[in-house]
N, C-alpha and C. Protein backbone atom coordinates (compact mmCIF):
# COMPACT_ATOMS: atom_id res chain seq x y z
N LYS A 1 0.84 -1.18 0.00
CA LYS A 1 0.00 0.00 0.00
C LYS A 1 0.89 1.24 0.00
N ARG A 2 0.57 2.18 -0.89
CA ARG A 2 1.35 3.41 -0.96
C ARG A 2 0.46 4.59 -0.58
N VAL A 3 0.99 5.48 0.20
CA VAL A 3 0.23 6.66 0.61
C VAL A 3 1.09 7.90 0.52
N GLY A 4 0.46 9.08 0.60
CA GLY A 4 1.20 10.34 0.66
C GLY A 4 1.95 10.67 -0.61
N SER A 5 3.27 10.79 -0.50
CA SER A 5 4.10 11.27 -1.59
C SER A 5 4.35 10.23 -2.68
N GLY A 6 3.79 9.06 -2.54
CA GLY A 6 4.04 8.01 -3.52
C GLY A 6 5.12 7.04 -3.06
N LEU A 7 5.76 7.37 -1.95
CA LEU A 7 6.74 6.44 -1.40
C LEU A 7 5.98 5.29 -0.73
N PRO A 8 6.54 4.10 -0.75
CA PRO A 8 5.86 2.97 -0.13
C PRO A 8 5.76 3.13 1.38
N ARG A 9 4.64 2.81 1.91
CA ARG A 9 4.42 2.85 3.35
C ARG A 9 3.78 1.52 3.73
N GLY A 10 4.44 0.77 4.52
CA GLY A 10 3.92 -0.52 4.91
C GLY A 10 4.29 -1.60 3.92
N PRO A 11 3.96 -2.82 4.26
CA PRO A 11 4.37 -3.96 3.43
C PRO A 11 3.56 -4.10 2.14
N VAL A 12 4.18 -4.72 1.15
CA VAL A 12 3.51 -5.05 -0.11
C VAL A 12 3.32 -6.56 -0.12
N TYR A 13 2.09 -6.98 -0.39
CA TYR A 13 1.78 -8.40 -0.48
C TYR A 13 1.51 -8.75 -1.94
N TYR A 14 1.87 -9.98 -2.30
CA TYR A 14 1.61 -10.49 -3.64
C TYR A 14 0.61 -11.63 -3.49
N GLU A 15 -0.46 -11.55 -4.26
CA GLU A 15 -1.49 -12.59 -4.20
C GLU A 15 -1.12 -13.72 -5.15
N ILE A 16 -1.16 -14.93 -4.62
CA ILE A 16 -0.85 -16.13 -5.41
C ILE A 16 -2.14 -16.94 -5.51
N GLU A 17 -2.56 -17.20 -6.72
CA GLU A 17 -3.72 -18.07 -6.93
C GLU A 17 -3.20 -19.50 -7.08
N VAL A 18 -3.68 -20.37 -6.22
CA VAL A 18 -3.21 -21.75 -6.17
C VAL A 18 -4.32 -22.67 -6.65
N LEU A 19 -4.02 -23.49 -7.66
CA LEU A 19 -4.95 -24.49 -8.16
C LEU A 19 -4.38 -25.86 -7.83
N SER A 20 -5.15 -26.66 -7.13
CA SER A 20 -4.72 -28.00 -6.75
C SER A 20 -5.88 -28.95 -7.01
N GLY A 21 -5.80 -29.68 -8.11
CA GLY A 21 -6.93 -30.53 -8.51
C GLY A 21 -8.11 -29.65 -8.86
N THR A 22 -9.21 -29.85 -8.17
CA THR A 22 -10.39 -29.00 -8.39
C THR A 22 -10.48 -27.89 -7.36
N GLU A 23 -9.55 -27.87 -6.43
CA GLU A 23 -9.54 -26.84 -5.39
C GLU A 23 -8.79 -25.60 -5.86
N ARG A 24 -9.28 -24.45 -5.44
CA ARG A 24 -8.65 -23.17 -5.77
C ARG A 24 -8.68 -22.29 -4.52
N HIS A 25 -7.57 -21.66 -4.25
CA HIS A 25 -7.53 -20.68 -3.17
C HIS A 25 -6.42 -19.67 -3.47
N ALA A 26 -6.43 -18.60 -2.72
CA ALA A 26 -5.42 -17.56 -2.87
C ALA A 26 -4.68 -17.41 -1.55
N CYS A 27 -3.40 -17.08 -1.64
CA CYS A 27 -2.63 -16.76 -0.44
C CYS A 27 -1.82 -15.50 -0.72
N LEU A 28 -1.58 -14.75 0.32
CA LEU A 28 -0.81 -13.51 0.22
C LEU A 28 0.58 -13.75 0.80
N ARG A 29 1.59 -13.30 0.06
CA ARG A 29 2.96 -13.45 0.52
C ARG A 29 3.75 -12.18 0.25
N ARG A 30 4.66 -11.88 1.15
CA ARG A 30 5.57 -10.76 0.99
C ARG A 30 6.84 -11.25 0.30
N TYR A 31 7.60 -10.32 -0.25
CA TYR A 31 8.86 -10.67 -0.91
C TYR A 31 9.77 -11.43 0.06
N SER A 32 9.81 -10.98 1.30
CA SER A 32 10.69 -11.63 2.28
C SER A 32 10.33 -13.10 2.47
N GLN A 33 9.06 -13.45 2.33
CA GLN A 33 8.65 -14.85 2.45
C GLN A 33 9.13 -15.67 1.24
N PHE A 34 9.10 -15.07 0.05
CA PHE A 34 9.66 -15.74 -1.13
C PHE A 34 11.15 -15.97 -0.91
N ARG A 35 11.82 -14.98 -0.40
CA ARG A 35 13.27 -15.06 -0.18
C ARG A 35 13.62 -16.15 0.83
N THR A 36 12.83 -16.21 1.91
CA THR A 36 13.03 -17.25 2.91
C THR A 36 12.82 -18.63 2.31
N LEU A 37 11.76 -18.79 1.52
CA LEU A 37 11.50 -20.07 0.86
C LEU A 37 12.67 -20.45 -0.03
N SER A 38 13.16 -19.53 -0.82
CA SER A 38 14.27 -19.80 -1.73
C SER A 38 15.50 -20.27 -0.96
N LYS A 39 15.85 -19.57 0.11
CA LYS A 39 17.02 -19.94 0.90
C LYS A 39 16.85 -21.31 1.55
N ARG A 40 15.66 -21.57 2.10
CA ARG A 40 15.42 -22.86 2.76
C ARG A 40 15.46 -24.01 1.76
N LEU A 41 14.90 -23.79 0.57
CA LEU A 41 14.93 -24.84 -0.45
C LEU A 41 16.35 -25.07 -0.95
N ASP A 42 17.09 -23.99 -1.17
CA ASP A 42 18.48 -24.13 -1.59
C ASP A 42 19.26 -24.97 -0.58
N ALA A 43 19.06 -24.69 0.70
CA ALA A 43 19.77 -25.43 1.75
C ALA A 43 19.33 -26.89 1.78
N ALA A 44 18.04 -27.15 1.67
CA ALA A 44 17.52 -28.52 1.71
C ALA A 44 18.01 -29.33 0.52
N ILE A 45 17.98 -28.74 -0.65
CA ILE A 45 18.40 -29.46 -1.86
C ILE A 45 19.92 -29.64 -1.87
N ALA A 46 20.65 -28.65 -1.40
CA ALA A 46 22.12 -28.78 -1.32
C ALA A 46 22.49 -29.92 -0.37
N ALA A 47 21.79 -30.01 0.76
CA ALA A 47 22.07 -31.08 1.72
C ALA A 47 21.75 -32.44 1.11
N LYS A 48 20.67 -32.54 0.38
CA LYS A 48 20.28 -33.80 -0.25
C LYS A 48 21.31 -34.19 -1.32
N LYS A 49 21.74 -33.22 -2.12
CA LYS A 49 22.71 -33.50 -3.18
C LYS A 49 24.06 -33.88 -2.58
N LYS A 50 24.42 -33.21 -1.47
CA LYS A 50 25.69 -33.49 -0.83
C LYS A 50 25.71 -34.94 -0.33
N SER A 51 24.60 -35.39 0.22
CA SER A 51 24.54 -36.77 0.70
C SER A 51 24.56 -37.76 -0.46
N ALA A 52 24.27 -37.29 -1.66
CA ALA A 52 24.31 -38.14 -2.85
C ALA A 52 25.62 -37.94 -3.63
N ASP A 53 26.65 -37.42 -2.95
CA ASP A 53 27.96 -37.17 -3.57
C ASP A 53 27.90 -36.21 -4.74
N ASP A 54 27.03 -35.24 -4.67
CA ASP A 54 26.92 -34.18 -5.65
C ASP A 54 27.58 -32.95 -5.00
N ASP A 55 27.98 -31.97 -5.79
CA ASP A 55 28.61 -30.80 -5.18
C ASP A 55 27.61 -29.89 -4.50
N GLY A 56 26.30 -30.08 -4.73
CA GLY A 56 25.27 -29.31 -4.05
C GLY A 56 25.24 -27.85 -4.42
N SER A 57 25.84 -27.47 -5.55
CA SER A 57 25.94 -26.06 -5.90
C SER A 57 24.72 -25.52 -6.65
N GLU A 58 23.80 -26.37 -7.03
CA GLU A 58 22.64 -25.93 -7.81
C GLU A 58 21.70 -25.08 -6.97
N LYS A 59 21.28 -23.95 -7.51
CA LYS A 59 20.31 -23.09 -6.85
C LYS A 59 18.92 -23.40 -7.38
N ILE A 60 17.93 -23.11 -6.57
CA ILE A 60 16.55 -23.41 -6.93
C ILE A 60 16.11 -22.66 -8.18
N SER A 61 16.19 -21.37 -8.16
CA SER A 61 15.76 -20.59 -9.31
C SER A 61 16.21 -19.15 -9.14
N ASN A 62 15.80 -18.33 -10.06
CA ASN A 62 16.23 -16.94 -10.05
C ASN A 62 15.18 -16.06 -9.37
N LEU A 63 15.35 -15.85 -8.10
CA LEU A 63 14.48 -14.94 -7.36
C LEU A 63 14.88 -13.52 -7.72
N PRO A 64 13.92 -12.63 -7.95
CA PRO A 64 14.30 -11.24 -8.24
C PRO A 64 15.16 -10.69 -7.10
N PRO A 65 16.10 -9.84 -7.42
CA PRO A 65 17.01 -9.36 -6.38
C PRO A 65 16.32 -8.48 -5.35
N ARG A 66 16.88 -8.50 -4.17
CA ARG A 66 16.43 -7.62 -3.10
C ARG A 66 16.99 -6.24 -3.43
N THR A 67 16.17 -5.22 -3.29
CA THR A 67 16.63 -3.88 -3.66
C THR A 67 15.90 -2.84 -2.84
N TRP A 68 16.44 -1.64 -2.85
CA TRP A 68 15.79 -0.52 -2.17
C TRP A 68 14.68 0.01 -3.04
N TRP A 69 13.69 0.61 -2.42
CA TRP A 69 12.57 1.18 -3.15
C TRP A 69 13.02 2.38 -3.97
N PRO A 70 12.49 2.52 -5.18
CA PRO A 70 12.76 3.73 -5.97
C PRO A 70 12.05 4.93 -5.33
N LEU A 71 12.45 6.11 -5.76
CA LEU A 71 11.93 7.31 -5.12
C LEU A 71 10.64 7.87 -5.72
N SER A 72 10.44 7.75 -7.01
CA SER A 72 9.25 8.36 -7.60
C SER A 72 8.11 7.36 -7.69
N HIS A 73 6.89 7.89 -7.76
CA HIS A 73 5.70 7.06 -7.86
C HIS A 73 5.76 6.20 -9.12
N GLU A 74 6.17 6.79 -10.24
CA GLU A 74 6.25 6.04 -11.50
C GLU A 74 7.27 4.92 -11.40
N ASP A 75 8.42 5.20 -10.80
CA ASP A 75 9.44 4.17 -10.62
C ASP A 75 8.94 3.05 -9.71
N THR A 76 8.18 3.43 -8.68
CA THR A 76 7.65 2.44 -7.75
C THR A 76 6.70 1.49 -8.48
N ASP A 77 5.82 2.01 -9.31
CA ASP A 77 4.90 1.17 -10.08
C ASP A 77 5.67 0.21 -10.98
N ASP A 78 6.67 0.72 -11.68
CA ASP A 78 7.48 -0.13 -12.57
C ASP A 78 8.23 -1.18 -11.76
N PHE A 79 8.79 -0.75 -10.65
CA PHE A 79 9.54 -1.66 -9.78
C PHE A 79 8.64 -2.80 -9.30
N LEU A 80 7.46 -2.45 -8.80
CA LEU A 80 6.54 -3.47 -8.29
C LEU A 80 6.07 -4.41 -9.39
N GLU A 81 5.83 -3.89 -10.58
CA GLU A 81 5.42 -4.72 -11.71
C GLU A 81 6.54 -5.68 -12.10
N ASP A 82 7.77 -5.17 -12.18
CA ASP A 82 8.92 -6.03 -12.51
C ASP A 82 9.13 -7.10 -11.45
N ARG A 83 9.00 -6.71 -10.19
CA ARG A 83 9.20 -7.69 -9.12
C ARG A 83 8.10 -8.75 -9.17
N MET A 84 6.86 -8.34 -9.41
CA MET A 84 5.76 -9.30 -9.48
C MET A 84 6.00 -10.31 -10.61
N GLU A 85 6.46 -9.82 -11.76
CA GLU A 85 6.77 -10.72 -12.87
C GLU A 85 7.90 -11.67 -12.50
N GLY A 86 8.92 -11.16 -11.81
CA GLY A 86 10.03 -12.00 -11.37
C GLY A 86 9.59 -13.06 -10.37
N LEU A 87 8.69 -12.70 -9.46
CA LEU A 87 8.20 -13.67 -8.49
C LEU A 87 7.34 -14.73 -9.18
N HIS A 88 6.58 -14.31 -10.19
CA HIS A 88 5.80 -15.28 -10.98
C HIS A 88 6.75 -16.27 -11.65
N ASP A 89 7.79 -15.76 -12.29
CA ASP A 89 8.77 -16.63 -12.95
C ASP A 89 9.44 -17.56 -11.94
N PHE A 90 9.72 -17.05 -10.74
CA PHE A 90 10.31 -17.87 -9.68
C PHE A 90 9.39 -19.05 -9.36
N LEU A 91 8.10 -18.78 -9.17
CA LEU A 91 7.16 -19.86 -8.83
C LEU A 91 7.00 -20.85 -9.98
N VAL A 92 6.91 -20.35 -11.20
CA VAL A 92 6.78 -21.24 -12.36
C VAL A 92 8.00 -22.16 -12.45
N GLY A 93 9.20 -21.60 -12.29
CA GLY A 93 10.41 -22.40 -12.32
C GLY A 93 10.46 -23.42 -11.19
N LEU A 94 10.02 -23.01 -10.03
CA LEU A 94 9.99 -23.88 -8.87
C LEU A 94 9.06 -25.07 -9.10
N LEU A 95 7.86 -24.77 -9.60
CA LEU A 95 6.85 -25.81 -9.77
C LEU A 95 7.09 -26.68 -10.99
N ALA A 96 8.07 -26.32 -11.80
CA ALA A 96 8.45 -27.16 -12.94
C ALA A 96 9.38 -28.29 -12.48
N ARG A 97 9.83 -28.22 -11.25
CA ARG A 97 10.75 -29.23 -10.71
C ARG A 97 10.00 -30.13 -9.74
N GLN A 98 9.92 -31.41 -10.05
CA GLN A 98 9.17 -32.35 -9.22
C GLN A 98 9.67 -32.37 -7.79
N GLU A 99 10.98 -32.25 -7.59
CA GLU A 99 11.52 -32.26 -6.24
C GLU A 99 11.00 -31.08 -5.41
N CYS A 100 10.60 -30.00 -6.08
CA CYS A 100 10.04 -28.85 -5.37
C CYS A 100 8.54 -28.99 -5.16
N VAL A 101 7.86 -29.53 -6.16
CA VAL A 101 6.40 -29.73 -6.04
C VAL A 101 6.08 -30.59 -4.83
N ASP A 102 6.88 -31.62 -4.60
CA ASP A 102 6.65 -32.55 -3.50
C ASP A 102 7.23 -32.08 -2.17
N ASN A 103 7.95 -30.98 -2.17
CA ASN A 103 8.64 -30.52 -0.97
C ASN A 103 7.66 -29.89 0.03
N PRO A 104 7.72 -30.29 1.31
CA PRO A 104 6.83 -29.73 2.33
C PRO A 104 6.97 -28.22 2.50
N LEU A 105 8.17 -27.67 2.23
CA LEU A 105 8.34 -26.21 2.34
C LEU A 105 7.49 -25.48 1.32
N VAL A 106 7.42 -26.03 0.11
CA VAL A 106 6.62 -25.42 -0.95
C VAL A 106 5.14 -25.57 -0.64
N LYS A 107 4.75 -26.75 -0.17
CA LYS A 107 3.34 -26.98 0.19
C LYS A 107 2.89 -26.03 1.28
N GLU A 108 3.75 -25.82 2.27
CA GLU A 108 3.44 -24.90 3.34
C GLU A 108 3.32 -23.46 2.81
N PHE A 109 4.25 -23.07 1.95
CA PHE A 109 4.26 -21.72 1.38
C PHE A 109 2.97 -21.44 0.63
N LEU A 110 2.47 -22.46 -0.08
CA LEU A 110 1.26 -22.30 -0.90
C LEU A 110 -0.01 -22.68 -0.15
N ASP A 111 0.08 -22.87 1.15
CA ASP A 111 -1.05 -23.26 1.99
C ASP A 111 -1.73 -24.53 1.50
N LEU A 112 -0.92 -25.51 1.13
CA LEU A 112 -1.46 -26.79 0.67
C LEU A 112 -1.43 -27.85 1.78
N GLU A 113 -0.95 -27.50 2.93
CA GLU A 113 -0.91 -28.46 4.04
C GLU A 113 -1.73 -27.96 5.19
């Protein structure tokens, strides 16, 4: 939510529409929650690969970078649109990997458990 001079005030939530079989629901997540999920999945998959004699260097996907808010209202709109597209791409890439689809961290993130 933005108020006043166009600078962001308060948290920004991204709505995720989740389809699971015939069930549909929406959940709201902040960027920081996407970032936490990415880090936790990277750690879990690296540990699994390491135990399988893999170097464990593979990252889950390309999460949009963490950045400071732009100063103008127009820049903020562009920034939020770009970030939303990046988070969408992050989720699409994540869900294209079976090891992530079945992961309890992903199920929890999407309110599937």
